[in-house]
N, C-alpha and C. Protein backbone atom coordinates (compact mmCIF):
# COMPACT_ATOMS: atom_id res chain seq x y z
N MET A 1 26.83 1.77 17.11
CA MET A 1 25.69 2.35 16.44
C MET A 1 25.77 3.88 16.46
N GLN A 2 26.15 4.46 17.60
CA GLN A 2 26.26 5.91 17.73
C GLN A 2 27.32 6.43 16.76
N ILE A 3 28.45 5.77 16.61
CA ILE A 3 29.52 6.22 15.73
C ILE A 3 29.06 6.20 14.28
N SER A 4 28.35 5.16 13.86
CA SER A 4 27.90 5.10 12.47
C SER A 4 26.88 6.20 12.16
N ARG A 5 26.03 6.54 13.12
CA ARG A 5 25.10 7.65 12.92
C ARG A 5 25.86 8.97 12.76
N LEU A 6 26.86 9.17 13.61
CA LEU A 6 27.68 10.39 13.50
C LEU A 6 28.43 10.42 12.18
N LEU A 7 28.94 9.28 11.75
CA LEU A 7 29.67 9.21 10.48
C LEU A 7 28.74 9.53 9.31
N ILE A 8 27.55 8.98 9.30
CA ILE A 8 26.58 9.24 8.23
C ILE A 8 26.19 10.71 8.22
N ALA A 9 25.92 11.28 9.40
CA ALA A 9 25.56 12.69 9.49
C ALA A 9 26.69 13.57 8.98
N SER A 10 27.93 13.23 9.35
CA SER A 10 29.09 14.01 8.89
C SER A 10 29.24 13.92 7.38
N LEU A 11 29.05 12.75 6.81
CA LEU A 11 29.16 12.57 5.36
C LEU A 11 28.08 13.36 4.63
N LEU A 12 26.86 13.35 5.16
CA LEU A 12 25.78 14.11 4.54
C LEU A 12 26.06 15.61 4.58
N LEU A 13 26.55 16.10 5.71
CA LEU A 13 26.88 17.52 5.81
C LEU A 13 28.01 17.90 4.86
N ALA A 14 29.02 17.05 4.76
CA ALA A 14 30.15 17.33 3.86
C ALA A 14 29.70 17.31 2.40
N ALA A 15 28.83 16.39 2.05
CA ALA A 15 28.34 16.31 0.67
C ALA A 15 27.52 17.56 0.33
N ASP A 16 26.70 18.00 1.28
CA ASP A 16 25.89 19.19 1.05
C ASP A 16 26.77 20.43 0.92
N ALA A 17 27.80 20.53 1.74
CA ALA A 17 28.69 21.69 1.69
C ALA A 17 29.48 21.72 0.40
N GLY A 18 29.75 20.55 -0.19
CA GLY A 18 30.53 20.49 -1.42
C GLY A 18 29.72 20.81 -2.67
N GLN A 19 28.40 20.82 -2.60
CA GLN A 19 27.56 21.10 -3.76
C GLN A 19 27.45 22.60 -3.97
N ALA A 20 27.55 23.01 -5.22
CA ALA A 20 27.38 24.43 -5.53
C ALA A 20 25.90 24.77 -5.51
N HIS A 21 25.55 25.79 -4.77
CA HIS A 21 24.16 26.21 -4.71
C HIS A 21 23.93 27.25 -5.80
N GLU A 22 22.79 27.16 -6.46
CA GLU A 22 22.42 28.12 -7.49
C GLU A 22 22.25 29.49 -6.86
N PRO A 23 22.77 30.54 -7.51
CA PRO A 23 22.54 31.89 -6.97
C PRO A 23 21.06 32.25 -7.07
N ALA A 24 20.64 33.13 -6.20
CA ALA A 24 19.24 33.57 -6.20
C ALA A 24 18.90 34.22 -7.54
N GLN A 25 17.71 33.98 -8.02
CA GLN A 25 17.25 34.51 -9.31
C GLN A 25 16.39 35.74 -9.09
N ALA A 26 16.49 36.68 -10.02
CA ALA A 26 15.61 37.84 -10.00
C ALA A 26 14.18 37.39 -10.28
N GLN A 27 13.23 38.05 -9.64
CA GLN A 27 11.82 37.76 -9.86
C GLN A 27 11.23 38.94 -10.62
N VAL A 28 10.69 38.67 -11.81
CA VAL A 28 10.17 39.71 -12.69
C VAL A 28 8.65 39.62 -12.76
N THR A 29 7.99 40.76 -12.50
CA THR A 29 6.53 40.84 -12.56
C THR A 29 6.13 41.87 -13.61
N PRO A 30 5.48 41.44 -14.69
CA PRO A 30 4.98 42.42 -15.68
C PRO A 30 3.90 43.29 -15.03
N LEU A 31 3.98 44.60 -15.24
CA LEU A 31 2.99 45.52 -14.68
C LEU A 31 2.03 46.04 -15.74
N MET A 32 2.56 46.37 -16.93
CA MET A 32 1.69 46.82 -18.02
C MET A 32 2.44 46.80 -19.33
N THR A 33 1.69 46.62 -20.41
CA THR A 33 2.19 46.75 -21.77
C THR A 33 1.25 47.69 -22.50
N LYS A 34 1.81 48.61 -23.26
CA LYS A 34 0.99 49.60 -23.97
C LYS A 34 1.55 49.84 -25.35
N ALA A 35 0.74 49.57 -26.38
CA ALA A 35 1.13 49.89 -27.75
C ALA A 35 1.30 51.40 -27.86
N LEU A 36 2.29 51.83 -28.61
CA LEU A 36 2.55 53.25 -28.80
C LEU A 36 2.08 53.65 -30.19
N ASP A 37 0.84 54.11 -30.27
CA ASP A 37 0.22 54.43 -31.56
C ASP A 37 1.01 55.46 -32.36
N ASP A 38 1.67 56.39 -31.69
CA ASP A 38 2.47 57.41 -32.38
C ASP A 38 3.76 56.83 -32.97
N TYR A 39 4.12 55.61 -32.54
CA TYR A 39 5.33 54.94 -33.01
C TYR A 39 4.94 53.54 -33.48
N PRO A 40 4.47 53.42 -34.72
CA PRO A 40 4.00 52.12 -35.22
C PRO A 40 5.02 51.00 -35.00
N GLY A 41 4.52 49.89 -34.52
CA GLY A 41 5.37 48.72 -34.29
C GLY A 41 6.12 48.74 -32.97
N LYS A 42 5.91 49.78 -32.16
CA LYS A 42 6.61 49.90 -30.88
C LYS A 42 5.62 49.78 -29.72
N GLU A 43 6.14 49.38 -28.55
CA GLU A 43 5.34 49.30 -27.34
C GLU A 43 6.19 49.63 -26.13
N ALA A 44 5.52 50.02 -25.06
CA ALA A 44 6.16 50.23 -23.77
C ALA A 44 5.80 49.05 -22.88
N LEU A 45 6.78 48.56 -22.15
CA LEU A 45 6.57 47.47 -21.20
C LEU A 45 7.13 47.92 -19.87
N MET A 46 6.32 47.82 -18.81
CA MET A 46 6.78 48.16 -17.47
C MET A 46 6.80 46.88 -16.64
N ILE A 47 7.95 46.64 -15.99
CA ILE A 47 8.11 45.46 -15.15
C ILE A 47 8.67 45.87 -13.78
N ARG A 48 8.39 45.03 -12.81
CA ARG A 48 8.95 45.19 -11.47
C ARG A 48 9.94 44.05 -11.29
N VAL A 49 11.16 44.38 -10.90
CA VAL A 49 12.20 43.36 -10.69
C VAL A 49 12.58 43.35 -9.22
N GLU A 50 12.55 42.16 -8.65
CA GLU A 50 12.96 41.98 -7.25
C GLU A 50 14.18 41.08 -7.23
N TYR A 51 15.27 41.63 -6.71
CA TYR A 51 16.49 40.85 -6.51
C TYR A 51 16.50 40.36 -5.07
N PRO A 52 16.46 39.06 -4.85
CA PRO A 52 16.70 38.55 -3.49
C PRO A 52 18.15 38.87 -3.10
N PRO A 53 18.49 38.75 -1.83
CA PRO A 53 19.88 38.98 -1.43
C PRO A 53 20.84 38.14 -2.29
N GLY A 54 21.89 38.78 -2.79
CA GLY A 54 22.90 38.07 -3.58
C GLY A 54 22.52 37.76 -5.02
N ALA A 55 21.35 38.16 -5.47
CA ALA A 55 20.89 37.83 -6.83
C ALA A 55 21.68 38.62 -7.88
N SER A 56 21.81 38.01 -9.05
CA SER A 56 22.45 38.70 -10.18
C SER A 56 21.84 38.19 -11.48
N ASP A 57 22.01 39.00 -12.53
CA ASP A 57 21.51 38.64 -13.85
C ASP A 57 22.64 38.12 -14.71
N PRO A 58 22.33 37.25 -15.68
CA PRO A 58 23.34 36.86 -16.65
C PRO A 58 23.56 38.03 -17.62
N VAL A 59 24.65 38.00 -18.35
CA VAL A 59 24.92 39.03 -19.36
C VAL A 59 23.82 38.94 -20.42
N HIS A 60 23.23 40.12 -20.77
CA HIS A 60 22.10 40.12 -21.68
C HIS A 60 21.97 41.49 -22.35
N ARG A 61 21.04 41.58 -23.27
CA ARG A 61 20.68 42.86 -23.88
C ARG A 61 19.16 42.91 -23.98
N HIS A 62 18.64 44.11 -24.15
CA HIS A 62 17.19 44.26 -24.25
C HIS A 62 16.72 44.63 -25.65
N ASN A 63 17.63 45.09 -26.51
CA ASN A 63 17.22 45.58 -27.84
C ASN A 63 16.10 46.60 -27.68
N ALA A 64 16.24 47.45 -26.66
CA ALA A 64 15.21 48.43 -26.31
C ALA A 64 15.86 49.57 -25.54
N HIS A 65 15.13 50.65 -25.40
CA HIS A 65 15.52 51.70 -24.47
C HIS A 65 15.01 51.25 -23.11
N GLY A 66 15.89 51.18 -22.12
CA GLY A 66 15.50 50.74 -20.79
C GLY A 66 15.75 51.81 -19.75
N PHE A 67 14.71 52.12 -18.99
CA PHE A 67 14.78 53.13 -17.94
C PHE A 67 14.52 52.43 -16.60
N ILE A 68 15.50 52.50 -15.70
CA ILE A 68 15.43 51.80 -14.42
C ILE A 68 15.27 52.82 -13.30
N TYR A 69 14.37 52.52 -12.34
CA TYR A 69 14.15 53.37 -11.17
C TYR A 69 14.16 52.47 -9.94
N VAL A 70 15.08 52.71 -9.01
CA VAL A 70 15.22 51.88 -7.82
C VAL A 70 14.20 52.29 -6.76
N LEU A 71 13.43 51.31 -6.29
CA LEU A 71 12.44 51.55 -5.24
C LEU A 71 13.02 51.32 -3.85
N GLU A 72 13.72 50.19 -3.68
CA GLU A 72 14.29 49.87 -2.37
C GLU A 72 15.54 49.02 -2.54
N GLY A 73 16.40 49.09 -1.55
CA GLY A 73 17.65 48.34 -1.58
C GLY A 73 18.69 49.04 -2.44
N ASN A 74 19.75 48.31 -2.74
CA ASN A 74 20.86 48.84 -3.53
C ASN A 74 21.23 47.84 -4.60
N ILE A 75 21.44 48.35 -5.82
CA ILE A 75 21.81 47.50 -6.95
C ILE A 75 23.07 48.03 -7.62
N VAL A 76 23.71 47.18 -8.39
CA VAL A 76 24.88 47.56 -9.17
C VAL A 76 24.56 47.27 -10.62
N MET A 77 24.80 48.25 -11.50
CA MET A 77 24.52 48.11 -12.93
C MET A 77 25.73 48.54 -13.75
N GLN A 78 25.87 47.93 -14.92
CA GLN A 78 26.91 48.32 -15.87
C GLN A 78 26.56 47.80 -17.25
N VAL A 79 26.83 48.62 -18.26
CA VAL A 79 26.74 48.18 -19.65
C VAL A 79 28.15 48.14 -20.22
N ARG A 80 28.36 47.30 -21.21
CA ARG A 80 29.67 47.15 -21.82
C ARG A 80 30.21 48.52 -22.25
N GLY A 81 31.44 48.82 -21.84
CA GLY A 81 32.07 50.09 -22.17
C GLY A 81 31.73 51.21 -21.22
N GLY A 82 30.79 50.98 -20.30
CA GLY A 82 30.40 52.01 -19.33
C GLY A 82 30.98 51.70 -17.96
N LYS A 83 30.83 52.65 -17.06
CA LYS A 83 31.30 52.47 -15.69
C LYS A 83 30.26 51.71 -14.87
N GLN A 84 30.74 50.91 -13.94
CA GLN A 84 29.86 50.23 -13.00
C GLN A 84 29.33 51.28 -12.02
N VAL A 85 28.01 51.28 -11.79
CA VAL A 85 27.42 52.25 -10.88
C VAL A 85 26.60 51.55 -9.80
N ALA A 86 26.66 52.10 -8.60
CA ALA A 86 25.85 51.62 -7.48
C ALA A 86 24.67 52.56 -7.34
N LEU A 87 23.48 52.00 -7.22
CA LEU A 87 22.25 52.80 -7.17
C LEU A 87 21.43 52.44 -5.94
N GLY A 88 20.82 53.46 -5.36
CA GLY A 88 19.93 53.27 -4.21
C GLY A 88 18.55 53.82 -4.52
N PRO A 89 17.66 53.79 -3.55
CA PRO A 89 16.29 54.25 -3.75
C PRO A 89 16.24 55.66 -4.36
N GLY A 90 15.39 55.80 -5.39
CA GLY A 90 15.21 57.08 -6.06
C GLY A 90 16.21 57.35 -7.17
N GLN A 91 17.21 56.50 -7.34
CA GLN A 91 18.20 56.70 -8.39
C GLN A 91 17.80 55.94 -9.65
N THR A 92 18.36 56.39 -10.79
CA THR A 92 17.97 55.86 -12.09
C THR A 92 19.18 55.37 -12.88
N PHE A 93 18.88 54.58 -13.91
CA PHE A 93 19.90 54.04 -14.81
C PHE A 93 19.24 53.90 -16.18
N TYR A 94 20.04 54.09 -17.22
CA TYR A 94 19.53 53.95 -18.60
C TYR A 94 20.43 52.99 -19.36
N GLU A 95 19.80 52.17 -20.19
CA GLU A 95 20.56 51.37 -21.15
C GLU A 95 19.85 51.45 -22.49
N GLY A 96 20.64 51.61 -23.55
CA GLY A 96 20.09 51.78 -24.88
C GLY A 96 19.93 50.47 -25.64
N PRO A 97 19.31 50.54 -26.81
CA PRO A 97 19.02 49.33 -27.59
C PRO A 97 20.27 48.60 -28.07
N ASN A 98 21.41 49.27 -28.13
CA ASN A 98 22.64 48.60 -28.56
C ASN A 98 23.55 48.20 -27.41
N ASP A 99 23.14 48.51 -26.18
CA ASP A 99 23.96 48.18 -25.01
C ASP A 99 23.85 46.70 -24.65
N VAL A 100 24.97 46.18 -24.13
CA VAL A 100 24.98 44.84 -23.55
C VAL A 100 25.09 45.04 -22.04
N HIS A 101 24.14 44.51 -21.32
CA HIS A 101 24.06 44.65 -19.86
C HIS A 101 25.00 43.61 -19.24
N THR A 102 26.20 44.06 -18.82
CA THR A 102 27.21 43.13 -18.32
C THR A 102 27.11 42.87 -16.82
N VAL A 103 26.61 43.86 -16.07
CA VAL A 103 26.46 43.70 -14.62
C VAL A 103 25.07 44.17 -14.21
N GLY A 104 24.36 43.33 -13.53
CA GLY A 104 23.07 43.65 -12.92
C GLY A 104 22.95 42.77 -11.70
N ARG A 105 23.07 43.36 -10.50
CA ARG A 105 23.04 42.52 -9.30
C ARG A 105 22.60 43.32 -8.08
N ASN A 106 22.18 42.58 -7.08
CA ASN A 106 21.88 43.16 -5.78
C ASN A 106 23.22 43.44 -5.11
N ALA A 107 23.40 44.65 -4.58
CA ALA A 107 24.65 45.01 -3.91
C ALA A 107 24.75 44.35 -2.54
N SER A 108 23.65 43.82 -2.02
CA SER A 108 23.63 43.24 -0.69
C SER A 108 23.48 41.72 -0.72
N GLN A 109 24.17 41.08 0.20
CA GLN A 109 24.02 39.63 0.38
C GLN A 109 22.96 39.30 1.44
N THR A 110 22.39 40.36 2.07
CA THR A 110 21.45 40.11 3.17
C THR A 110 20.09 40.78 2.99
N LYS A 111 19.99 41.79 2.11
CA LYS A 111 18.74 42.52 1.94
C LYS A 111 18.28 42.47 0.49
N PRO A 112 16.95 42.39 0.25
CA PRO A 112 16.45 42.41 -1.13
C PRO A 112 16.54 43.81 -1.74
N ALA A 113 16.39 43.88 -3.04
CA ALA A 113 16.34 45.15 -3.76
C ALA A 113 15.21 45.06 -4.79
N THR A 114 14.52 46.17 -5.00
CA THR A 114 13.40 46.20 -5.94
C THR A 114 13.51 47.43 -6.82
N PHE A 115 13.25 47.25 -8.12
CA PHE A 115 13.28 48.38 -9.03
C PHE A 115 12.25 48.19 -10.14
N ILE A 116 11.89 49.30 -10.77
CA ILE A 116 10.95 49.32 -11.88
C ILE A 116 11.77 49.54 -13.16
N VAL A 117 11.39 48.83 -14.22
CA VAL A 117 12.02 49.01 -15.53
C VAL A 117 10.93 49.33 -16.55
N VAL A 118 11.15 50.38 -17.33
CA VAL A 118 10.28 50.70 -18.45
C VAL A 118 11.10 50.49 -19.71
N LEU A 119 10.62 49.60 -20.58
CA LEU A 119 11.30 49.30 -21.84
C LEU A 119 10.47 49.82 -23.00
N LEU A 120 11.11 50.57 -23.90
CA LEU A 120 10.48 51.00 -25.15
C LEU A 120 11.09 50.10 -26.21
N LYS A 121 10.27 49.19 -26.77
CA LYS A 121 10.79 48.12 -27.61
C LYS A 121 9.88 47.83 -28.79
N ASP A 122 10.38 46.95 -29.67
CA ASP A 122 9.55 46.49 -30.78
C ASP A 122 8.39 45.68 -30.22
N LYS A 123 7.23 45.87 -30.79
CA LYS A 123 6.03 45.18 -30.34
C LYS A 123 6.24 43.66 -30.43
N GLY A 124 5.98 42.96 -29.33
CA GLY A 124 6.09 41.52 -29.29
C GLY A 124 7.50 40.98 -29.13
N ALA A 125 8.51 41.84 -29.13
CA ALA A 125 9.90 41.38 -28.99
C ALA A 125 10.13 40.87 -27.56
N PRO A 126 11.08 39.94 -27.38
CA PRO A 126 11.36 39.44 -26.03
C PRO A 126 11.90 40.54 -25.12
N VAL A 127 11.68 40.36 -23.83
CA VAL A 127 12.14 41.34 -22.85
C VAL A 127 13.67 41.40 -22.81
N LEU A 128 14.32 40.24 -22.88
CA LEU A 128 15.78 40.24 -22.92
C LEU A 128 16.28 39.11 -23.78
N VAL A 129 17.51 39.30 -24.25
CA VAL A 129 18.16 38.32 -25.11
C VAL A 129 19.52 38.02 -24.50
N PRO A 130 19.89 36.75 -24.27
CA PRO A 130 21.21 36.45 -23.74
C PRO A 130 22.30 37.01 -24.66
N ALA A 131 23.40 37.45 -24.07
CA ALA A 131 24.52 37.99 -24.84
C ALA A 131 25.83 37.47 -24.23
N LYS A 132 26.89 37.63 -24.99
CA LYS A 132 28.22 37.20 -24.49
C LYS A 132 29.03 38.40 -24.08
């Protein structure tokens, strides 16, 4: 009986170790949206993004001007054709409406990272669009 319990426990552990775990997902909190009366059809959207340890974004675009400000932790950002940059608290990053965001991730596997994003975009347009 003891051997069969050990065998079952070993099989369960091996099965769990063999399964691919989903990477941590970024948590996005909308902070404010404001129509830009001086720019008909445009709006500003401010969001707070929290990357858990090891989190990363899929390749995407915003079809907007995006201004990023790191609050805490360290992140890595890159747009297609640009250099990969590591950013810490107080540092900024910009991506334009034609940029494809190829790298967006937490630089740490053990600590979270938080940043603010301000997007100047078409009114009602999605925050991000998947890209290849």
